[in-house]
C-alpha cells in the first residue's frame, strides 16, 4: 500500500496544469521556457532533479522526476542515495539558518538588552 496514489496524482497534476494553462497560457508558456532552458545543457539527470524536488518539498516535482528517473533506468538503491543527499542538504541548510537565528537573537538584544 502506497501513502499516495502517485500515478493518479501525476495524471491529475498534468491535467490540472493543462487547465491552468487554458486560463493563463502565458504563465505556463513562461514556465515551460524556464524548464527547457534549465535542461538545455543536459548536464543534470532526473535523479539530481529529484534531490532538488525533495529539498523544495514539491510533491508534483517528486512524482514527475521519480517516474522520469525510473524510466531512464534509475534503481531503488540510486534513488535511496539521492534521498540521502537531499536529507543532508536540508540538514546543512538548517544548520546554516540556525546560525542566522542566533545572530537575529543577538541583534534583538541591541534593541532591548533587558529582554
C-alpha atoms as a PDB file:
ATOM      1  CA  UNK A   1       0.000   0.000   0.000  1.00  0.00           C
ATOM      2  CA  UNK A   2       1.389   3.389  -1.001  1.00  0.00           C
ATOM      3  CA  UNK A   3       0.975   6.565   1.057  1.00  0.00           C
ATOM      4  CA  UNK A   4      -0.365   8.275  -2.050  1.00  0.00           C
ATOM      5  CA  UNK A   5      -1.538   7.019  -5.419  1.00  0.00           C
ATOM      6  CA  UNK A   6       1.360   8.708  -7.196  1.00  0.00           C
ATOM      7  CA  UNK A   7       0.352   7.588 -10.686  1.00  0.00           C
ATOM      8  CA  UNK A   8      -3.147   9.023 -10.343  1.00  0.00           C
ATOM      9  CA  UNK A   9      -1.739  12.136  -8.692  1.00  0.00           C
ATOM     10  CA  UNK A  10       0.715  12.652 -11.569  1.00  0.00           C
ATOM     11  CA  UNK A  11      -2.133  12.345 -14.093  1.00  0.00           C
ATOM     12  CA  UNK A  12      -4.303  14.743 -12.077  1.00  0.00           C
ATOM     13  CA  UNK A  13      -1.416  17.169 -11.777  1.00  0.00           C
ATOM     14  CA  UNK A  14      -0.780  17.185 -15.504  1.00  0.00           C
ATOM     15  CA  UNK A  15      -4.489  17.690 -16.167  1.00  0.00           C
ATOM     16  CA  UNK A  16      -4.586  20.489 -13.599  1.00  0.00           C
ATOM     17  CA  UNK A  17      -1.599  22.217 -15.170  1.00  0.00           C
ATOM     18  CA  UNK A  18      -3.319  21.884 -18.536  1.00  0.00           C
ATOM     19  CA  UNK A  19      -6.446  23.507 -17.118  1.00  0.00           C
ATOM     20  CA  UNK A  20      -4.400  26.279 -15.544  1.00  0.00           C
ATOM     21  CA  UNK A  21      -2.692  26.759 -18.907  1.00  0.00           C
ATOM     22  CA  UNK A  22      -6.053  27.378 -20.552  1.00  0.00           C
ATOM     23  CA  UNK A  23      -6.807  30.098 -18.001  1.00  0.00           C
ATOM     24  CA  UNK A  24      -3.349  31.674 -18.118  1.00  0.00           C
ATOM     25  CA  UNK A  25      -1.345  30.358 -21.072  1.00  0.00           C
ATOM     26  CA  UNK A  26       1.468  32.899 -20.702  1.00  0.00           C
ATOM     27  CA  UNK A  27       2.362  31.609 -17.234  1.00  0.00           C
ATOM     28  CA  UNK A  28       2.624  28.004 -18.424  1.00  0.00           C
ATOM     29  CA  UNK A  29       4.480  29.094 -21.545  1.00  0.00           C
ATOM     30  CA  UNK A  30       6.940  31.033 -19.355  1.00  0.00           C
ATOM     31  CA  UNK A  31       7.367  28.071 -17.007  1.00  0.00           C
ATOM     32  CA  UNK A  32       7.955  25.742 -19.954  1.00  0.00           C
ATOM     33  CA  UNK A  33      10.565  28.122 -21.356  1.00  0.00           C
ATOM     34  CA  UNK A  34      12.351  28.259 -17.975  1.00  0.00           C
ATOM     35  CA  UNK A  35      12.185  24.499 -17.573  1.00  0.00           C
ATOM     36  CA  UNK A  36      13.584  23.810 -21.029  1.00  0.00           C
ATOM     37  CA  UNK A  37      16.321  26.413 -20.586  1.00  0.00           C
ATOM     38  CA  UNK A  38      17.333  24.748 -17.322  1.00  0.00           C
ATOM     39  CA  UNK A  39      17.634  21.389 -19.040  1.00  0.00           C
ATOM     40  CA  UNK A  40      19.214  22.612 -22.268  1.00  0.00           C
ATOM     41  CA  UNK A  41      22.818  21.720 -21.442  1.00  0.00           C
ATOM     42  CA  UNK A  42      21.794  18.237 -20.337  1.00  0.00           C
ATOM     43  CA  UNK A  43      24.327  18.045 -17.515  1.00  0.00           C
ATOM     44  CA  UNK A  44      21.845  17.130 -14.774  1.00  0.00           C
ATOM     45  CA  UNK A  45      19.852  13.937 -14.722  1.00  0.00           C
ATOM     46  CA  UNK A  46      16.409  13.173 -13.285  1.00  0.00           C
ATOM     47  CA  UNK A  47      17.966  11.849 -10.064  1.00  0.00           C
ATOM     48  CA  UNK A  48      19.538  15.249  -9.436  1.00  0.00           C
ATOM     49  CA  UNK A  49      16.247  16.961 -10.215  1.00  0.00           C
ATOM     50  CA  UNK A  50      14.579  14.599  -7.734  1.00  0.00           C
ATOM     51  CA  UNK A  51      17.019  15.634  -4.996  1.00  0.00           C
ATOM     52  CA  UNK A  52      16.080  19.261  -5.640  1.00  0.00           C
ATOM     53  CA  UNK A  53      12.376  18.352  -5.600  1.00  0.00           C
ATOM     54  CA  UNK A  54      12.789  16.686  -2.212  1.00  0.00           C
ATOM     55  CA  UNK A  55      14.627  19.726  -0.878  1.00  0.00           C
ATOM     56  CA  UNK A  56      11.840  22.014  -2.108  1.00  0.00           C
ATOM     57  CA  UNK A  57       9.146  19.636  -0.799  1.00  0.00           C
ATOM     58  CA  UNK A  58       7.263  19.691  -4.093  1.00  0.00           C
ATOM     59  CA  UNK A  59       5.057  16.598  -4.460  1.00  0.00           C
ATOM     60  CA  UNK A  60       4.381  17.433  -8.100  1.00  0.00           C
ATOM     61  CA  UNK A  61       8.094  17.615  -8.847  1.00  0.00           C
ATOM     62  CA  UNK A  62       8.705  14.441  -6.853  1.00  0.00           C
ATOM     63  CA  UNK A  63       6.187  12.376  -8.813  1.00  0.00           C
ATOM     64  CA  UNK A  64       7.321  13.691 -12.206  1.00  0.00           C
ATOM     65  CA  UNK A  65      11.064  13.324 -11.596  1.00  0.00           C
ATOM     66  CA  UNK A  66      10.764   9.961  -9.821  1.00  0.00           C
ATOM     67  CA  UNK A  67       8.831   8.500 -12.753  1.00  0.00           C
ATOM     68  CA  UNK A  68      11.319  10.002 -15.217  1.00  0.00           C
ATOM     69  CA  UNK A  69      14.295   8.650 -13.256  1.00  0.00           C
ATOM     70  CA  UNK A  70      12.734   5.178 -13.220  1.00  0.00           C
ATOM     71  CA  UNK A  71      12.034   5.368 -16.964  1.00  0.00           C
ATOM     72  CA  UNK A  72      15.702   6.239 -17.523  1.00  0.00           C
ATOM     73  CA  UNK A  73      16.863   3.192 -15.556  1.00  0.00           C
ATOM     74  CA  UNK A  74      17.432   4.521 -12.044  1.00  0.00           C
ATOM     75  CA  UNK A  75      17.486   1.789  -9.419  1.00  0.00           C
ATOM     76  CA  UNK A  76      15.867   1.885  -5.994  1.00  0.00           C
ATOM     77  CA  UNK A  77      19.370   1.989  -4.484  1.00  0.00           C
ATOM     78  CA  UNK A  78      20.287   5.030  -6.591  1.00  0.00           C
ATOM     79  CA  UNK A  79      17.094   6.773  -5.517  1.00  0.00           C
ATOM     80  CA  UNK A  80      17.935   5.981  -1.865  1.00  0.00           C
ATOM     81  CA  UNK A  81      21.328   7.647  -2.351  1.00  0.00           C
ATOM     82  CA  UNK A  82      19.653  10.682  -3.933  1.00  0.00           C
ATOM     83  CA  UNK A  83      17.331  10.897  -0.941  1.00  0.00           C
ATOM     84  CA  UNK A  84      20.331  10.753   1.384  1.00  0.00           C
ATOM     85  CA  UNK A  85      21.841  13.735  -0.436  1.00  0.00           C
ATOM     86  CA  UNK A  86      18.558  15.641  -0.081  1.00  0.00           C
ATOM     87  CA  UNK A  87      18.432  14.858   3.655  1.00  0.00           C
ATOM     88  CA  UNK A  88      22.000  16.074   4.171  1.00  0.00           C
ATOM     89  CA  UNK A  89      21.392  19.254   2.149  1.00  0.00           C
ATOM     90  CA  UNK A  90      18.296  20.024   4.210  1.00  0.00           C
ATOM     91  CA  UNK A  91      20.161  19.325   7.445  1.00  0.00           C
ATOM     92  CA  UNK A  92      23.023  21.542   6.300  1.00  0.00           C
ATOM     93  CA  UNK A  93      20.615  24.338   5.438  1.00  0.00           C
ATOM     94  CA  UNK A  94      19.031  24.003   8.881  1.00  0.00           C
ATOM     95  CA  UNK A  95      22.474  24.368  10.482  1.00  0.00           C
ATOM     96  CA  UNK A  96      23.228  27.466   8.396  1.00  0.00           C
ATOM     97  CA  UNK A  97      19.850  29.029   9.190  1.00  0.00           C
ATOM     98  CA  UNK A  98      20.296  28.164  12.844  1.00  0.00           C
ATOM     99  CA  UNK A  99      23.322  30.444  12.885  1.00  0.00           C
ATOM    100  CA  UNK A 100      21.183  33.154  11.299  1.00  0.00           C
ATOM    101  CA  UNK A 101      18.529  32.705  14.001  1.00  0.00           C
ATOM    102  CA  UNK A 102      21.155  33.031  16.724  1.00  0.00           C
ATOM    103  CA  UNK A 103      22.508  36.142  15.012  1.00  0.00           C
ATOM    104  CA  UNK A 104      18.982  37.614  14.859  1.00  0.00           C
ATOM    105  CA  UNK A 105      18.528  36.800  18.551  1.00  0.00           C
ATOM    106  CA  UNK A 106      21.758  38.599  19.403  1.00  0.00           C
ATOM    107  CA  UNK A 107      20.773  41.572  17.224  1.00  0.00           C
ATOM    108  CA  UNK A 108      17.438  41.813  19.057  1.00  0.00           C
ATOM    109  CA  UNK A 109      19.408  42.377  22.261  1.00  0.00           C
ATOM    110  CA  UNK A 110      20.681  45.648  20.756  1.00  0.00           C
ATOM    111  CA  UNK A 111      17.092  46.946  20.657  1.00  0.00           C
ATOM    112  CA  UNK A 112      16.047  45.655  24.064  1.00  0.00           C
ATOM    113  CA  UNK A 113      19.045  44.387  26.069  1.00  0.00           C
ATOM    114  CA  UNK A 114      16.920  43.526  29.127  1.00  0.00           C
ATOM    115  CA  UNK A 115      14.566  41.171  27.299  1.00  0.00           C
END
